[in-house]
C-alpha atoms as a PDB file:
ATOM      1  CA  MET A   1      83.249  81.653 113.680  1.00  0.00           C
ATOM      2  CA  MET A   2      82.904  84.714 111.485  1.00  0.00           C
ATOM      3  CA  ILE A   3      83.029  82.611 108.401  1.00  0.00           C
ATOM      4  CA  LEU A   4      80.447  80.200 109.750  1.00  0.00           C
ATOM      5  CA  VAL A   5      78.032  83.036 110.616  1.00  0.00           C
ATOM      6  CA  VAL A   6      78.551  84.787 107.234  1.00  0.00           C
ATOM      7  CA  SER A   7      77.887  81.497 105.332  1.00  0.00           C
ATOM      8  CA  ALA A   8      74.723  80.718 107.396  1.00  0.00           C
ATOM      9  CA  VAL A   9      73.296  84.204 106.886  1.00  0.00           C
ATOM     10  CA  THR A  10      74.007  84.173 103.126  1.00  0.00           C
ATOM     11  CA  PHE A  11      72.448  80.788 102.744  1.00  0.00           C
ATOM     12  CA  ALA A  12      69.393  81.818 104.614  1.00  0.00           C
ATOM     13  CA  LEU A  13      68.975  85.056 102.630  1.00  0.00           C
ATOM     14  CA  LEU A  14      69.279  83.191  99.396  1.00  0.00           C
ATOM     15  CA  GLY A  15      66.672  80.650 100.564  1.00  0.00           C
ATOM     16  CA  PHE A  16      64.192  83.306 101.762  1.00  0.00           C
ATOM     17  CA  ALA A  17      64.586  85.219  98.474  1.00  0.00           C
ATOM     18  CA  GLY A  18      62.700  82.449  96.732  1.00  0.00           C
ATOM     19  CA  GLY A  19      63.331  80.606  93.582  1.00  0.00           C
ATOM     20  CA  ASP A  20      66.318  78.350  92.784  1.00  0.00           C
ATOM     21  CA  ALA A  21      68.489  77.268  89.853  1.00  0.00           C
ATOM     22  CA  LEU A  22      65.578  75.451  88.251  1.00  0.00           C
ATOM     23  CA  THR A  23      63.070  78.250  88.445  1.00  0.00           C
ATOM     24  CA  GLU A  24      63.798  79.424  84.893  1.00  0.00           C
ATOM     25  CA  LEU A  25      62.778  76.012  83.556  1.00  0.00           C
ATOM     26  CA  ARG A  26      59.127  76.822  84.393  1.00  0.00           C
ATOM     27  CA  ASN A  27      59.178  79.303  81.522  1.00  0.00           C
ATOM     28  CA  ASN A  28      59.946  76.532  79.078  1.00  0.00           C
ATOM     29  CA  PRO A  29      56.646  74.945  77.907  1.00  0.00           C
ATOM     30  CA  GLN A  30      58.487  71.838  76.697  1.00  0.00           C
ATOM     31  CA  ILE A  31      59.536  70.906  80.316  1.00  0.00           C
ATOM     32  CA  SER A  32      56.685  69.549  82.457  1.00  0.00           C
ATOM     33  CA  GLU A  33      56.178  70.363  86.151  1.00  0.00           C
ATOM     34  CA  GLN A  34      56.717  66.769  87.012  1.00  0.00           C
ATOM     35  CA  THR A  35      60.239  66.890  85.386  1.00  0.00           C
ATOM     36  CA  ILE A  36      61.095  70.019  87.319  1.00  0.00           C
ATOM     37  CA  GLU A  37      59.976  68.440  90.534  1.00  0.00           C
ATOM     38  CA  ARG A  38      62.071  65.370  89.878  1.00  0.00           C
ATOM     39  CA  LEU A  39      65.121  67.556  89.149  1.00  0.00           C
ATOM     40  CA  ARG A  40      64.511  69.389  92.453  1.00  0.00           C
ATOM     41  CA  HIS A  41      64.514  66.071  94.287  1.00  0.00           C
ATOM     42  CA  VAL A  42      67.705  64.967  92.531  1.00  0.00           C
ATOM     43  CA  TYR A  43      69.557  68.168  93.552  1.00  0.00           C
ATOM     44  CA  GLY A  44      68.042  68.210  97.046  1.00  0.00           C
ATOM     45  CA  LEU A  45      66.184  71.524  96.412  1.00  0.00           C
ATOM     46  CA  ASP A  46      62.979  70.103  97.877  1.00  0.00           C
ATOM     47  CA  GLN A  47      64.478  69.599 101.307  1.00  0.00           C
ATOM     48  CA  PRO A  48      64.184  72.172 104.186  1.00  0.00           C
ATOM     49  CA  LEU A  49      66.642  75.008 104.246  1.00  0.00           C
ATOM     50  CA  PRO A  50      68.475  73.882 107.443  1.00  0.00           C
ATOM     51  CA  ILE A  51      69.080  70.425 105.966  1.00  0.00           C
ATOM     52  CA  ARG A  52      70.366  71.850 102.715  1.00  0.00           C
ATOM     53  CA  TYR A  53      72.715  74.098 104.698  1.00  0.00           C
ATOM     54  CA  TRP A  54      73.967  71.313 106.807  1.00  0.00           C
ATOM     55  CA  ARG A  55      74.692  69.247 103.655  1.00  0.00           C
ATOM     56  CA  TRP A  56      76.511  72.066 102.069  1.00  0.00           C
ATOM     57  CA  LEU A  57      78.497  72.787 105.267  1.00  0.00           C
ATOM     58  CA  SER A  58      79.451  69.160 105.753  1.00  0.00           C
ATOM     59  CA  SER A  59      80.874  69.016 102.139  1.00  0.00           C
ATOM     60  CA  ALA A  60      82.522  72.385 102.455  1.00  0.00           C
ATOM     61  CA  VAL A  61      84.582  71.472 105.516  1.00  0.00           C
ATOM     62  CA  THR A  62      86.135  68.618 103.452  1.00  0.00           C
ATOM     63  CA  GLY A  63      86.962  70.990 100.619  1.00  0.00           C
ATOM     64  CA  ASP A  64      84.065  69.911  98.424  1.00  0.00           C
ATOM     65  CA  LEU A  65      82.161  73.072  97.377  1.00  0.00           C
ATOM     66  CA  GLY A  66      79.964  71.146  94.881  1.00  0.00           C
ATOM     67  CA  GLU A  67      79.351  71.882  91.239  1.00  0.00           C
ATOM     68  CA  SER A  68      77.959  75.150  89.740  1.00  0.00           C
ATOM     69  CA  THR A  69      74.495  74.645  88.439  1.00  0.00           C
ATOM     70  CA  TYR A  70      75.006  77.263  85.834  1.00  0.00           C
ATOM     71  CA  PHE A  71      78.502  76.640  84.535  1.00  0.00           C
ATOM     72  CA  ARG A  72      78.489  72.897  85.187  1.00  0.00           C
ATOM     73  CA  VAL A  73      82.074  72.901  86.528  1.00  0.00           C
ATOM     74  CA  PRO A  74      83.454  72.425  90.113  1.00  0.00           C
ATOM     75  CA  VAL A  75      82.937  75.501  92.155  1.00  0.00           C
ATOM     76  CA  SER A  76      86.360  75.490  93.765  1.00  0.00           C
ATOM     77  CA  ALA A  77      88.158  75.432  90.406  1.00  0.00           C
ATOM     78  CA  LEU A  78      85.956  78.268  88.936  1.00  0.00           C
ATOM     79  CA  VAL A  79      86.356  80.454  92.050  1.00  0.00           C
ATOM     80  CA  TRP A  80      90.082  79.922  92.224  1.00  0.00           C
ATOM     81  CA  MET A  81      90.498  80.751  88.530  1.00  0.00           C
ATOM     82  CA  ARG A  82      88.508  84.058  88.769  1.00  0.00           C
ATOM     83  CA  SER A  83      90.133  84.946  92.056  1.00  0.00           C
ATOM     84  CA  VAL A  84      93.559  85.288  90.365  1.00  0.00           C
ATOM     85  CA  SER A  85      92.208  88.124  88.213  1.00  0.00           C
ATOM     86  CA  THR A  86      90.618  89.916  91.139  1.00  0.00           C
ATOM     87  CA  PHE A  87      93.683  89.377  93.365  1.00  0.00           C
ATOM     88  CA  GLN A  88      95.901  90.970  90.666  1.00  0.00           C
ATOM     89  CA  LEU A  89      93.538  93.891  90.346  1.00  0.00           C
ATOM     90  CA  GLY A  90      93.236  94.442  94.096  1.00  0.00           C
ATOM     91  CA  THR A  91      97.020  94.272  94.539  1.00  0.00           C
ATOM     92  CA  ALA A  92      97.456  96.896  91.869  1.00  0.00           C
ATOM     93  CA  ALA A  93      94.792  99.134  93.550  1.00  0.00           C
ATOM     94  CA  PHE A  94      96.555  98.821  96.898  1.00  0.00           C
ATOM     95  CA  ALA A  95      99.951  99.622  95.269  1.00  0.00           C
ATOM     96  CA  ILE A  96      98.478 102.776  93.596  1.00  0.00           C
ATOM     97  CA  ALA A  97      96.912 103.842  96.849  1.00  0.00           C
ATOM     98  CA  LEU A  98     100.093 103.459  98.855  1.00  0.00           C
ATOM     99  CA  ALA A  99     102.263 104.920  96.162  1.00  0.00           C
ATOM    100  CA  LEU A 100     100.213 108.145  96.401  1.00  0.00           C
ATOM    101  CA  ALA A 101      99.359 108.272 100.105  1.00  0.00           C
ATOM    102  CA  VAL A 102     102.804 107.603 101.539  1.00  0.00           C
ATOM    103  CA  PRO A 103     104.880 110.186  99.589  1.00  0.00           C
ATOM    104  CA  LEU A 104     102.155 112.889  99.826  1.00  0.00           C
ATOM    105  CA  SER A 105     101.876 112.419 103.498  1.00  0.00           C
ATOM    106  CA  LEU A 106     105.635 112.608 104.084  1.00  0.00           C
ATOM    107  CA  VAL A 107     105.922 115.718 101.883  1.00  0.00           C
ATOM    108  CA  GLY A 108     103.045 117.356 103.581  1.00  0.00           C
ATOM    109  CA  VAL A 109     104.550 116.832 107.087  1.00  0.00           C
ATOM    110  CA  ARG A 110     108.086 117.623 106.002  1.00  0.00           C
ATOM    111  CA  TYR A 111     107.380 121.059 104.463  1.00  0.00           C
ATOM    112  CA  ASN A 112     104.211 121.929 106.417  1.00  0.00           C
ATOM    113  CA  SER A 113     102.922 123.934 103.521  1.00  0.00           C
ATOM    114  CA  THR A 114      99.384 125.195 103.375  1.00  0.00           C
ATOM    115  CA  THR A 115      99.333 124.639  99.584  1.00  0.00           C
ATOM    116  CA  ILE A 116     100.434 121.059  99.954  1.00  0.00           C
ATOM    117  CA  ALA A 117      97.912 120.533 102.694  1.00  0.00           C
ATOM    118  CA  ALA A 118      95.126 121.985 100.558  1.00  0.00           C
ATOM    119  CA  VAL A 119      96.169 119.625  97.665  1.00  0.00           C
ATOM    120  CA  ILE A 120      95.990 116.678 100.072  1.00  0.00           C
ATOM    121  CA  ASP A 121      92.560 117.700 101.415  1.00  0.00           C
ATOM    122  CA  LEU A 122      91.251 118.146  97.877  1.00  0.00           C
ATOM    123  CA  LEU A 123      92.537 114.723  96.806  1.00  0.00           C
ATOM    124  CA  ILE A 124      90.909 113.122  99.895  1.00  0.00           C
ATOM    125  CA  LEU A 125      87.657 114.823  99.228  1.00  0.00           C
ATOM    126  CA  VAL A 126      87.613 113.864  95.512  1.00  0.00           C
ATOM    127  CA  THR A 127      88.604 110.200  95.966  1.00  0.00           C
ATOM    128  CA  ALA A 128      86.295 109.751  98.913  1.00  0.00           C
ATOM    129  CA  SER A 129      83.163 111.275  97.329  1.00  0.00           C
ATOM    130  CA  THR A 130      83.390 109.952  93.787  1.00  0.00           C
ATOM    131  CA  PRO A 131      81.373 106.688  93.405  1.00  0.00           C
ATOM    132  CA  ARG A 132      83.293 103.740  92.020  1.00  0.00           C
ATOM    133  CA  ILE A 133      80.828 103.319  89.225  1.00  0.00           C
ATOM    134  CA  VAL A 134      81.597 106.809  87.946  1.00  0.00           C
ATOM    135  CA  LEU A 135      85.297 106.151  88.114  1.00  0.00           C
ATOM    136  CA  ALA A 136      84.792 102.901  86.205  1.00  0.00           C
ATOM    137  CA  LEU A 137      82.723 104.555  83.548  1.00  0.00           C
ATOM    138  CA  PHE A 138      85.350 107.304  83.227  1.00  0.00           C
ATOM    139  CA  ALA A 139      88.066 104.666  82.805  1.00  0.00           C
ATOM    140  CA  LEU A 140      85.998 102.952  80.152  1.00  0.00           C
ATOM    141  CA  VAL A 141      85.606 106.171  78.312  1.00  0.00           C
ATOM    142  CA  ILE A 142      89.339 106.796  78.411  1.00  0.00           C
ATOM    143  CA  SER A 143      90.118 103.309  77.173  1.00  0.00           C
ATOM    144  CA  VAL A 144      87.646 103.686  74.267  1.00  0.00           C
ATOM    145  CA  ARG A 145      88.799 107.193  73.404  1.00  0.00           C
ATOM    146  CA  PHE A 146      92.581 106.782  73.540  1.00  0.00           C
ATOM    147  CA  ALA A 147      93.314 103.101  73.223  1.00  0.00           C
ATOM    148  CA  SER A 148      93.635 101.227  69.890  1.00  0.00           C
ATOM    149  CA  SER A 149      90.763  99.203  68.619  1.00  0.00           C
ATOM    150  CA  ALA A 150      92.667  96.019  69.399  1.00  0.00           C
ATOM    151  CA  ILE A 151      92.683  96.637  73.101  1.00  0.00           C
ATOM    152  CA  ASP A 152      90.487  94.377  75.215  1.00  0.00           C
ATOM    153  CA  SER A 153      89.648  93.645  78.833  1.00  0.00           C
ATOM    154  CA  SER A 154      92.912  91.781  79.425  1.00  0.00           C
ATOM    155  CA  SER A 155      95.150  94.636  78.134  1.00  0.00           C
ATOM    156  CA  ALA A 156      97.618  96.353  80.385  1.00  0.00           C
ATOM    157  CA  VAL A 157      96.079  99.751  79.761  1.00  0.00           C
ATOM    158  CA  LEU A 158      92.513  98.818  80.827  1.00  0.00           C
ATOM    159  CA  PHE A 159      93.926  96.831  83.741  1.00  0.00           C
ATOM    160  CA  TRP A 160      95.659  99.866  85.247  1.00  0.00           C
ATOM    161  CA  LEU A 161      92.600 102.062  84.586  1.00  0.00           C
ATOM    162  CA  ALA A 162      90.433  99.505  86.457  1.00  0.00           C
ATOM    163  CA  ALA A 163      93.001  99.370  89.281  1.00  0.00           C
ATOM    164  CA  LEU A 164      93.004 103.157  89.442  1.00  0.00           C
ATOM    165  CA  ALA A 165      89.126 103.209  89.689  1.00  0.00           C
ATOM    166  CA  LEU A 166      89.250 100.536  92.386  1.00  0.00           C
ATOM    167  CA  SER A 167      91.983 102.398  94.329  1.00  0.00           C
ATOM    168  CA  ALA A 168      90.181 105.799  94.750  1.00  0.00           C
ATOM    169  CA  PRO A 169      88.513 105.034  98.143  1.00  0.00           C
ATOM    170  CA  LEU A 170      91.750 103.497  99.349  1.00  0.00           C
ATOM    171  CA  ILE A 171      93.645 106.611  98.477  1.00  0.00           C
ATOM    172  CA  SER A 172      91.324 108.738 100.572  1.00  0.00           C
ATOM    173  CA  VAL A 173      91.401 106.443 103.571  1.00  0.00           C
ATOM    174  CA  PHE A 174      95.192 105.883 103.546  1.00  0.00           C
ATOM    175  CA  LEU A 175      96.087 109.457 102.873  1.00  0.00           C
ATOM    176  CA  ALA A 176      93.669 110.875 105.449  1.00  0.00           C
ATOM    177  CA  GLN A 177      94.862 108.384 108.150  1.00  0.00           C
ATOM    178  CA  LEU A 178      98.587 108.516 107.419  1.00  0.00           C
ATOM    179  CA  HIS A 179      98.728 112.297 107.079  1.00  0.00           C
ATOM    180  CA  GLY A 180      96.687 112.889 110.205  1.00  0.00           C
ATOM    181  CA  GLU A 181      98.730 110.401 112.240  1.00  0.00           C
ATOM    182  CA  LEU A 182     102.042 111.970 111.103  1.00  0.00           C
ATOM    183  CA  GLN A 183     100.849 115.427 112.030  1.00  0.00           C
ATOM    184  CA  ARG A 184      99.762 114.145 115.480  1.00  0.00           C
ATOM    185  CA  THR A 185     103.035 112.207 115.974  1.00  0.00           C
ATOM    186  CA  MET A 186     105.110 115.341 115.099  1.00  0.00           C
ATOM    187  CA  ARG A 187     103.654 117.072 118.125  1.00  0.00           C
ATOM    188  CA  GLU A 188     104.716 114.339 120.546  1.00  0.00           C
ATOM    189  CA  ASP A 189     107.402 114.935 123.162  1.00  0.00           C
ATOM    190  CA  PHE A 190     109.847 112.360 121.772  1.00  0.00           C
ATOM    191  CA  ILE A 191     109.851 114.307 118.459  1.00  0.00           C
ATOM    192  CA  LYS A 192     110.676 117.403 120.322  1.00  0.00           C
ATOM    193  CA  LEU A 193     113.555 115.556 122.010  1.00  0.00           C
ATOM    194  CA  ALA A 194     114.793 114.274 118.665  1.00  0.00           C
ATOM    195  CA  ARG A 195     114.853 117.768 117.353  1.00  0.00           C
ATOM    196  CA  ALA A 196     116.641 119.039 120.420  1.00  0.00           C
ATOM    197  CA  LYS A 197     119.369 116.534 119.629  1.00  0.00           C
ATOM    198  CA  GLY A 198     120.066 118.386 116.435  1.00  0.00           C
ATOM    199  CA  LEU A 199     118.556 115.881 113.954  1.00  0.00           C
ATOM    200  CA  SER A 200     117.410 117.202 110.689  1.00  0.00           C
ATOM    201  CA  GLU A 201     113.629 117.269 109.949  1.00  0.00           C
ATOM    202  CA  SER A 202     113.912 114.410 107.483  1.00  0.00           C
ATOM    203  CA  ALA A 203     115.790 112.366 109.899  1.00  0.00           C
ATOM    204  CA  VAL A 204     113.155 113.033 112.645  1.00  0.00           C
ATOM    205  CA  ILE A 205     110.381 111.879 110.300  1.00  0.00           C
ATOM    206  CA  PHE A 206     112.044 108.802 109.014  1.00  0.00           C
ATOM    207  CA  ARG A 207     113.709 107.585 112.156  1.00  0.00           C
ATOM    208  CA  HIS A 208     111.122 108.501 114.876  1.00  0.00           C
ATOM    209  CA  ALA A 209     107.732 109.541 113.433  1.00  0.00           C
ATOM    210  CA  ILE A 210     106.882 107.240 110.590  1.00  0.00           C
ATOM    211  CA  ARG A 211     106.794 103.973 112.440  1.00  0.00           C
ATOM    212  CA  PRO A 212     104.300 104.941 115.166  1.00  0.00           C
ATOM    213  CA  ALA A 213     102.215 106.682 112.597  1.00  0.00           C
ATOM    214  CA  LEU A 214     101.961 103.496 110.491  1.00  0.00           C
ATOM    215  CA  ASN A 215     100.099 101.348 113.032  1.00  0.00           C
ATOM    216  CA  PRO A 216      96.597 102.635 112.378  1.00  0.00           C
ATOM    217  CA  VAL A 217      97.243 102.566 108.626  1.00  0.00           C
ATOM    218  CA  LEU A 218      98.303  98.970 108.798  1.00  0.00           C
ATOM    219  CA  THR A 219      95.055  98.162 110.608  1.00  0.00           C
ATOM    220  CA  ILE A 220      93.113  99.923 107.798  1.00  0.00           C
ATOM    221  CA  VAL A 221      94.994  97.961 105.149  1.00  0.00           C
ATOM    222  CA  GLY A 222      93.724  94.746 106.543  1.00  0.00           C
ATOM    223  CA  LEU A 223      90.106  95.976 106.923  1.00  0.00           C
ATOM    224  CA  SER A 224      90.098  97.517 103.377  1.00  0.00           C
ATOM    225  CA  LEU A 225      90.251  94.126 101.757  1.00  0.00           C
ATOM    226  CA  GLY A 226      86.565  93.720 102.124  1.00  0.00           C
ATOM    227  CA  GLY A 227      85.898  97.018 100.446  1.00  0.00           C
ATOM    228  CA  VAL A 228      88.199  96.127  97.558  1.00  0.00           C
ATOM    229  CA  LEU A 229      86.390  92.805  97.034  1.00  0.00           C
ATOM    230  CA  GLY A 230      83.008  94.626  97.109  1.00  0.00           C
ATOM    231  CA  GLY A 231      84.232  97.351  94.823  1.00  0.00           C
ATOM    232  CA  SER A 232      85.432  94.803  92.292  1.00  0.00           C
ATOM    233  CA  VAL A 233      81.850  93.926  91.585  1.00  0.00           C
ATOM    234  CA  ILE A 234      81.180  97.332  90.074  1.00  0.00           C
ATOM    235  CA  VAL A 235      84.587  97.849  88.449  1.00  0.00           C
ATOM    236  CA  GLU A 236      84.742  94.418  86.885  1.00  0.00           C
ATOM    237  CA  SER A 237      81.208  94.608  85.609  1.00  0.00           C
ATOM    238  CA  VAL A 238      81.544  97.994  84.019  1.00  0.00           C
ATOM    239  CA  LEU A 239      84.952  97.285  82.403  1.00  0.00           C
ATOM    240  CA  GLY A 240      84.203  93.691  81.429  1.00  0.00           C
ATOM    241  CA  ARG A 241      86.923  91.957  83.547  1.00  0.00           C
ATOM    242  CA  GLN A 242      86.372  88.335  84.330  1.00  0.00           C
ATOM    243  CA  GLY A 243      86.941  88.274  88.088  1.00  0.00           C
ATOM    244  CA  LEU A 244      85.080  87.369  91.313  1.00  0.00           C
ATOM    245  CA  GLY A 245      82.932  90.447  90.997  1.00  0.00           C
ATOM    246  CA  THR A 246      81.323  89.550  87.627  1.00  0.00           C
ATOM    247  CA  LEU A 247      81.196  85.889  88.660  1.00  0.00           C
ATOM    248  CA  MET A 248      79.193  86.783  91.723  1.00  0.00           C
ATOM    249  CA  VAL A 249      76.719  88.767  89.531  1.00  0.00           C
ATOM    250  CA  SER A 250      76.253  85.856  87.191  1.00  0.00           C
ATOM    251  CA  ALA A 251      75.802  83.454  90.058  1.00  0.00           C
ATOM    252  CA  VAL A 252      73.116  85.531  91.801  1.00  0.00           C
ATOM    253  CA  ARG A 253      71.202  86.077  88.560  1.00  0.00           C
ATOM    254  CA  ALA A 254      71.259  82.347  87.752  1.00  0.00           C
ATOM    255  CA  ARG A 255      70.362  81.538  91.433  1.00  0.00           C
ATOM    256  CA  ASP A 256      73.456  79.290  91.417  1.00  0.00           C
ATOM    257  CA  LEU A 257      73.577  78.606  95.220  1.00  0.00           C
ATOM    258  CA  PRO A 258      76.707  76.412  95.255  1.00  0.00           C
ATOM    259  CA  LEU A 259      78.671  79.046  93.387  1.00  0.00           C
ATOM    260  CA  VAL A 260      77.335  81.929  95.469  1.00  0.00           C
ATOM    261  CA  MET A 261      78.293  80.052  98.711  1.00  0.00           C
ATOM    262  CA  GLY A 262      81.676  79.229  97.238  1.00  0.00           C
ATOM    263  CA  ILE A 263      82.460  82.852  96.469  1.00  0.00           C
ATOM    264  CA  VAL A 264      81.169  83.992  99.893  1.00  0.00           C
ATOM    265  CA  LEU A 265      83.349  81.410 101.608  1.00  0.00           C
ATOM    266  CA  PHE A 266      86.374  82.353  99.654  1.00  0.00           C
ATOM    267  CA  THR A 267      85.953  86.115 100.125  1.00  0.00           C
ATOM    268  CA  SER A 268      85.257  85.765 103.877  1.00  0.00           C
ATOM    269  CA  THR A 269      88.314  83.743 104.372  1.00  0.00           C
ATOM    270  CA  ALA A 270      90.310  86.357 102.379  1.00  0.00           C
ATOM    271  CA  VAL A 271      88.949  89.148 104.580  1.00  0.00           C
ATOM    272  CA  TRP A 272      89.889  87.206 107.694  1.00  0.00           C
ATOM    273  CA  LEU A 273      93.373  86.588 106.387  1.00  0.00           C
ATOM    274  CA  GLY A 274      93.644  90.229 105.501  1.00  0.00           C
ATOM    275  CA  ASN A 275      92.823  91.278 109.111  1.00  0.00           C
ATOM    276  CA  ALA A 276      95.312  88.750 110.434  1.00  0.00           C
ATOM    277  CA  LEU A 277      97.942  90.077 108.123  1.00  0.00           C
ATOM    278  CA  GLY A 278      97.283  93.589 109.353  1.00  0.00           C
ATOM    279  CA  GLU A 279      97.732  92.509 112.885  1.00  0.00           C
ATOM    280  CA  LEU A 280     100.952  90.730 111.971  1.00  0.00           C
ATOM    281  CA  LEU A 281     102.411  93.801 110.209  1.00  0.00           C
ATOM    282  CA  GLN A 282     101.577  95.834 113.278  1.00  0.00           C
ATOM    283  CA  ALA A 283     103.503  93.459 115.462  1.00  0.00           C
ATOM    284  CA  VAL A 284     106.436  93.591 113.132  1.00  0.00           C
ATOM    285  CA  ASN A 285     106.338  97.376 113.090  1.00  0.00           C
ATOM    286  CA  ASP A 286     105.758  97.975 116.824  1.00  0.00           C
ATOM    287  CA  LYS A 287     107.895  96.382 119.454  1.00  0.00           C
ATOM    288  CA  ARG A 288     105.354  97.115 122.128  1.00  0.00           C
ATOM    289  CA  ILE A 289     102.718  94.772 120.471  1.00  0.00           C
ATOM    290  CA  ARG A 290     105.352  92.046 120.288  1.00  0.00           C
ATOM    291  CA  ASP A 291     106.102  92.481 123.955  1.00  0.00           C
ATOM    292  CA  LEU A 292     102.391  92.037 124.774  1.00  0.00           C
ATOM    293  CA  GLY A 293     102.719  88.492 123.400  1.00  0.00           C
ATOM    294  CA  PHE A 294     101.334  88.746 119.936  1.00  0.00           C
END
């Protein structure tokens, strides 16, 4: 249902925005108005918006997303090819965020130091308040300044710089959530009981505290997928990576409706799957959720 609503709203917004893939042809004096109108009829652009949406939806449910009017290739093949690059970048961004958030949260709770807490708060503030476009530009400057002249957008250096720029908001969210949940969990009665049994502080954290503290984080991991896909538009555009973000920009500029709808359908499905994965991970992590009949 969510995917259906998102696709309908997107189709309507693009229709109400005015213009279509043939609008630019009007600027060509060699192409007559009659030719443009015939092309509009061939592509069905002269039909009412609800009929056009129904035609697109009827084809989409069978797996046929049509052909890109700008690139002249099947939409499904083009979206899938570009999604691989964005998926790799997003996976690397999640890995960077978790690699920083989890150890810092554990160290902060284990040693309960004001210095470590101040460092964590500062990192949360910086990563949460710095716009992605600034981080992407900073990554571009670093790559130009320190990398060799042979480096390009597909290089490993620029890839990890792009992933780092994309991971900044994830770092702030994961670190704030996990550190806060661990601090709250460490004040629970079952933690006091574990300490009373003589367990070391490390054992208390790893055996009793970390699993209940992970549940909210797992929820955020699923919900953050949409933010990563949105952030990829900025990061990929600035750093010149050929992913879904830059593809969406090109499709919107060209008024390539089949391609825009294909990207929206793909990303909406990916976000839905991300949320489902988050719920599944919660069930695996927490026996109480499994007992409720997940």
